[in-house]
Amino acid sequence: MNWTNVMKSKFFCLKLCFSVLVLSWFQLACVSSHIKVTAVTTKQVKAVALTAIQFNRPDYEPADQDDFTHQARNLNCVPPEQLWSEFLEPSHAKLIMNCLNSLESGVGRYLYIPKTQPYLELNADVIKRQPECLLKTLKTIPLPREIYFLGKEAGTEPESELECYSASFSTKTNRVLDAELRYARINVNFEFPLSRKLMNEKDLQIWLETKLLGILNQNENDFMIRASLVPDLTCTQCFKNDALFLDKKKHKLNSVEWP
């Protein structure tokens, strides 16, 4: 028996096993986040103008980095009130606000569902621990796939012109080789009571927006969104239906910033 060949075979097997483990860990790390991170998501945004937000929620799969077969796809931005129109309809909004305002304690435990059009869904595994009224009024919450917004990076002067950024949710979360990893699901918790009562549909919209921004937040100790800087032409196209966009961007209007 050639012991040298035996040792080489064992070393090769160990190296192969180690490579598989490293690859598996890398794949899990890549799918464990609900936020899409690329080479251009380098900006650290510390404040977002709540009155200058647009959503993009296409019904097709995102293209791969080197896929140029669908160049005709247009950027179709809509304001938050359009995506959440069902919730903001006065009679439905009243039910939701009554629910949220009534919760003196507790946690709404949602799961991030990484579909082509992502959404939050109350976690059925802990359904008995959920506030009952949430099951009736906010069982699922649609999310944009991309959010475009005006904001500021850390260290920016208070009165400086706002910049346009974008951040995206990942549609590949919890998946490795098209297989779903149930144990790697992303939990999103809404804690109660509210910091203040919601009085009208605009309050409800702002609450939904801040919860969305909280999901994108990547700093446990302080607010910070990793985002991409959007070219002026693309940003103008996205906000084309907002007649006050340029005034907001140039700080000619007082902006409500979060946080």
Protein backbone atom coordinates (compact mmCIF):
# COMPACT_ATOMS: atom_id res chain seq x y z
CA MET A 1 0.00 0.00 0.00
CA ASN A 2 1.32 3.38 -0.97
CA TRP A 3 0.86 5.44 2.22
CA THR A 4 1.79 8.63 0.41
CA ASN A 5 -1.17 8.21 -1.98
CA VAL A 6 -3.46 7.33 0.94
CA MET A 7 -2.48 10.49 2.80
CA LYS A 8 -2.94 12.56 -0.33
CA SER A 9 -6.43 11.10 -0.80
CA LYS A 10 -7.36 11.84 2.81
CA PHE A 11 -6.02 15.37 2.50
CA PHE A 12 -8.01 15.87 -0.71
CA CYS A 13 -11.21 14.61 0.98
CA LEU A 14 -10.68 16.93 3.95
CA LYS A 15 -10.01 19.86 1.63
CA LEU A 16 -13.15 19.04 -0.37
CA CYS A 17 -15.28 18.83 2.79
CA PHE A 18 -13.87 22.10 4.06
CA SER A 19 -14.60 23.78 0.71
CA VAL A 20 -18.20 22.53 0.80
CA LEU A 21 -18.63 23.86 4.34
CA VAL A 22 -17.17 27.25 3.39
CA LEU A 23 -19.37 27.41 0.29
CA SER A 24 -22.45 26.50 2.30
CA TRP A 25 -21.65 29.15 4.91
CA PHE A 26 -21.08 31.74 2.19
CA GLN A 27 -24.37 30.87 0.52
CA LEU A 28 -26.22 31.10 3.81
CA ALA A 29 -24.60 34.44 4.58
CA CYS A 30 -25.66 35.76 1.19
CA VAL A 31 -29.29 34.69 1.61
CA SER A 32 -29.68 35.61 5.27
CA SER A 33 -30.32 39.29 4.57
CA HIS A 34 -33.57 40.77 3.31
CA ILE A 35 -31.69 43.80 1.95
CA LYS A 36 -30.10 43.65 -1.48
CA VAL A 37 -26.46 44.73 -1.32
CA THR A 38 -24.33 45.31 -4.42
CA ALA A 39 -21.04 47.02 -5.27
CA VAL A 40 -22.81 50.39 -5.48
CA THR A 41 -24.76 50.32 -2.20
CA THR A 42 -21.97 52.19 -0.46
CA LYS A 43 -23.72 55.29 0.88
CA GLN A 44 -24.62 55.44 4.57
CA VAL A 45 -27.82 57.44 4.80
CA LYS A 46 -28.63 58.83 8.24
CA ALA A 47 -31.87 60.73 7.51
CA VAL A 48 -34.75 60.26 5.06
CA ALA A 49 -37.29 62.89 3.96
CA LEU A 50 -40.67 61.23 4.62
CA THR A 51 -42.38 63.55 2.14
CA ALA A 52 -40.05 62.52 -0.72
CA ILE A 53 -40.40 58.75 -1.06
CA GLN A 54 -41.37 56.70 -4.11
CA PHE A 55 -41.81 52.95 -4.51
CA ASN A 56 -41.10 50.57 -7.38
CA ARG A 57 -42.82 47.16 -7.20
CA PRO A 58 -42.55 45.42 -10.60
CA ASP A 59 -44.17 42.04 -11.15
CA TYR A 60 -41.16 40.49 -12.92
CA GLU A 61 -38.03 38.88 -11.53
CA PRO A 62 -35.01 41.19 -11.16
CA ALA A 63 -32.39 40.77 -13.86
CA ASP A 64 -29.03 39.22 -13.12
CA GLN A 65 -26.05 41.58 -13.09
CA ASP A 66 -25.00 40.63 -16.64
CA ASP A 67 -28.52 40.20 -18.11
CA PHE A 68 -29.38 42.85 -20.71
CA THR A 69 -32.28 41.01 -22.37
CA HIS A 70 -35.01 43.23 -20.89
CA GLN A 71 -33.75 46.73 -21.60
CA ALA A 72 -37.27 47.97 -22.39
CA ARG A 73 -38.44 47.65 -18.79
CA ASN A 74 -39.39 51.05 -17.45
CA LEU A 75 -39.02 52.48 -13.98
CA ASN A 76 -42.58 52.75 -12.67
CA CYS A 77 -42.50 54.70 -9.42
CA VAL A 78 -45.59 55.27 -7.28
CA PRO A 79 -46.06 57.18 -4.00
CA PRO A 80 -46.53 55.18 -0.76
CA GLU A 81 -50.24 56.05 -0.60
CA GLN A 82 -50.78 54.20 -3.88
CA LEU A 83 -49.13 50.98 -2.74
CA TRP A 84 -50.99 51.12 0.58
CA SER A 85 -54.26 52.50 -0.83
CA GLU A 86 -56.29 49.65 0.67
CA PHE A 87 -55.00 50.44 4.17
CA LEU A 88 -55.44 54.20 3.75
CA GLU A 89 -59.06 53.99 2.57
CA PRO A 90 -60.88 55.88 5.38
CA SER A 91 -63.06 53.05 6.74
CA HIS A 92 -60.21 50.52 6.67
CA ALA A 93 -57.72 53.05 8.05
CA LYS A 94 -60.02 53.69 11.00
CA LEU A 95 -60.06 49.97 11.87
CA ILE A 96 -56.26 49.76 11.63
CA MET A 97 -55.71 52.88 13.72
CA ASN A 98 -58.18 51.72 16.38
CA CYS A 99 -56.23 48.46 16.57
CA LEU A 100 -52.78 50.05 16.75
CA ASN A 101 -53.88 52.73 19.22
CA SER A 102 -55.48 50.14 21.51
CA LEU A 103 -52.37 47.99 21.95
CA GLU A 104 -50.85 48.89 25.33
CA SER A 105 -48.22 46.13 25.08
CA GLY A 106 -47.21 43.22 22.92
CA VAL A 107 -45.34 42.51 19.70
CA GLY A 108 -46.56 41.96 16.16
CA ARG A 109 -44.29 39.22 14.84
CA TYR A 110 -44.01 39.31 11.07
CA LEU A 111 -41.96 37.35 8.56
CA TYR A 112 -40.33 38.88 5.51
CA ILE A 113 -41.67 37.00 2.45
CA PRO A 114 -39.11 37.41 -0.39
CA LYS A 115 -41.38 37.12 -3.42
CA THR A 116 -41.03 39.05 -6.69
CA GLN A 117 -43.38 41.51 -4.99
CA PRO A 118 -42.28 41.17 -1.34
CA TYR A 119 -44.50 41.56 1.70
CA LEU A 120 -44.68 41.02 5.45
CA GLU A 121 -46.92 38.33 6.90
CA LEU A 122 -47.82 37.62 10.52
CA ASN A 123 -45.86 34.59 11.68
CA ALA A 124 -48.28 31.64 11.82
CA ASP A 125 -45.90 29.68 14.09
CA VAL A 126 -46.60 32.06 16.97
CA ILE A 127 -50.12 33.05 16.01
CA LYS A 128 -51.44 32.69 19.58
CA ARG A 129 -48.96 35.31 20.78
CA GLN A 130 -50.01 37.88 18.18
CA PRO A 131 -52.27 40.83 19.02
CA GLU A 132 -55.65 39.57 17.81
CA CYS A 133 -56.70 42.78 16.06
CA LEU A 134 -53.58 42.67 13.85
CA LEU A 135 -54.82 39.38 12.40
CA LYS A 136 -57.99 41.14 11.30
CA THR A 137 -56.53 44.40 10.02
CA LEU A 138 -52.82 43.96 9.18
CA LYS A 139 -52.21 40.27 8.55
CA THR A 140 -50.06 41.09 5.52
CA ILE A 141 -48.32 44.32 4.52
CA PRO A 142 -47.14 44.80 0.90
CA LEU A 143 -43.60 46.12 0.51
CA PRO A 144 -41.94 47.84 -2.44
CA ARG A 145 -39.08 46.01 -4.09
CA GLU A 146 -37.20 49.27 -4.45
CA ILE A 147 -37.52 52.51 -2.53
CA TYR A 148 -36.31 55.84 -3.93
CA PHE A 149 -35.96 58.73 -1.53
CA LEU A 150 -34.33 62.03 -0.72
CA GLY A 151 -31.97 61.88 2.23
CA LYS A 152 -28.71 62.86 3.88
CA GLU A 153 -25.50 61.07 4.66
CA ALA A 154 -23.74 61.44 7.99
CA GLY A 155 -21.93 64.76 8.40
CA THR A 156 -24.10 66.61 5.87
CA GLU A 157 -24.88 70.25 6.66
CA PRO A 158 -28.51 70.71 7.83
CA GLU A 159 -29.47 73.10 5.02
CA SER A 160 -27.54 71.41 2.22
CA GLU A 161 -29.36 70.06 -0.83
CA LEU A 162 -30.80 66.60 -0.34
CA GLU A 163 -29.45 63.74 -2.43
CA CYS A 164 -31.46 61.00 -4.15
CA TYR A 165 -30.86 57.41 -3.06
CA SER A 166 -32.32 53.97 -3.57
CA ALA A 167 -32.42 50.80 -1.49
CA SER A 168 -33.85 47.42 -2.42
CA PHE A 169 -35.30 44.34 -0.78
CA SER A 170 -33.87 41.01 -1.85
CA THR A 171 -36.10 38.51 -3.66
CA LYS A 172 -33.54 35.73 -3.06
CA THR A 173 -33.57 35.76 0.75
CA ASN A 174 -33.74 32.29 2.35
CA ARG A 175 -32.98 30.51 -0.91
CA VAL A 176 -29.96 28.42 -1.93
CA LEU A 177 -30.05 26.77 -5.36
CA ASP A 178 -33.81 27.51 -5.57
CA ALA A 179 -34.48 25.66 -2.29
CA GLU A 180 -36.13 27.58 0.54
CA LEU A 181 -34.41 27.50 3.93
CA ARG A 182 -37.21 27.65 6.48
CA TYR A 183 -34.93 28.10 9.48
CA ALA A 184 -33.23 31.14 7.94
CA ARG A 185 -36.40 33.24 7.73
CA ILE A 186 -36.20 36.95 8.51
CA ASN A 187 -38.25 38.10 11.50
CA VAL A 188 -39.63 41.64 11.68
CA ASN A 189 -41.14 42.72 14.99
CA PHE A 190 -43.42 45.70 15.64
CA GLU A 191 -43.43 46.59 19.33
CA PHE A 192 -46.32 48.28 21.13
CA PRO A 193 -47.55 50.65 22.47
CA LEU A 194 -47.07 53.36 19.85
CA SER A 195 -45.04 56.42 20.80
CA ARG A 196 -48.14 58.50 20.04
CA LYS A 197 -51.70 57.85 18.90
CA LEU A 198 -52.49 57.84 15.18
CA MET A 199 -55.14 60.46 14.39
CA ASN A 200 -55.73 60.23 10.63
CA GLU A 201 -54.77 58.49 7.39
CA LYS A 202 -51.61 60.60 7.00
CA ASP A 203 -50.44 59.50 10.46
CA LEU A 204 -51.02 55.89 9.43
CA GLN A 205 -49.07 56.37 6.21
CA ILE A 206 -46.13 57.89 8.10
CA TRP A 207 -46.25 55.00 10.60
CA LEU A 208 -46.05 52.50 7.73
CA GLU A 209 -43.19 54.46 6.15
CA THR A 210 -41.18 54.55 9.37
CA LYS A 211 -41.72 50.82 9.88
CA LEU A 212 -40.49 50.23 6.34
CA LEU A 213 -37.39 52.34 7.00
CA GLY A 214 -36.88 50.44 10.25
CA ILE A 215 -36.76 47.18 8.27
CA LEU A 216 -34.06 48.67 6.04
CA ASN A 217 -32.09 49.99 9.01
CA GLN A 218 -28.73 48.21 9.31
CA ASN A 219 -27.44 49.70 12.55
CA GLU A 220 -28.74 48.38 15.87
CA ASN A 221 -27.52 51.39 17.85
CA ASP A 222 -28.33 54.18 15.41
CA PHE A 223 -30.30 54.68 12.19
CA MET A 224 -28.37 53.93 9.00
CA ILE A 225 -29.46 52.67 5.58
CA ARG A 226 -26.93 51.41 3.07
CA ALA A 227 -28.11 52.81 -0.24
CA SER A 228 -27.10 53.66 -3.80
CA LEU A 229 -26.74 57.21 -5.06
CA VAL A 230 -29.26 57.68 -7.89
CA PRO A 231 -28.36 59.76 -10.99
CA ASP A 232 -30.38 62.97 -11.38
CA LEU A 233 -32.04 61.80 -14.60
CA THR A 234 -33.29 58.58 -13.01
CA CYS A 235 -34.42 60.35 -9.86
CA THR A 236 -36.30 63.00 -11.83
CA GLN A 237 -38.03 60.26 -13.82
CA CYS A 238 -39.03 58.46 -10.64
CA PHE A 239 -40.44 61.63 -9.02
CA LYS A 240 -41.97 63.03 -12.23
CA ASN A 241 -45.47 63.13 -10.70
CA ASP A 242 -44.32 65.10 -7.65
CA ALA A 243 -44.62 68.77 -8.64
CA LEU A 244 -42.75 69.84 -5.50
CA PHE A 245 -39.83 67.45 -5.94
CA LEU A 246 -37.17 70.02 -6.86
CA ASP A 247 -38.27 72.35 -4.06
CA LYS A 248 -37.95 69.47 -1.59
CA LYS A 249 -34.55 68.52 -2.98
CA LYS A 250 -33.21 72.09 -2.77
CA HIS A 251 -34.61 72.54 0.76
CA LYS A 252 -37.01 75.29 -0.31
CA LEU A 253 -39.70 73.41 1.61
CA ASN A 254 -39.42 72.19 5.17
CA SER A 255 -39.01 68.42 5.05
CA VAL A 256 -40.14 65.94 7.67
CA GLU A 257 -37.05 63.81 8.19
CA TRP A 258 -36.72 60.41 9.83
CA PRO A 259 -35.47 59.77 12.37
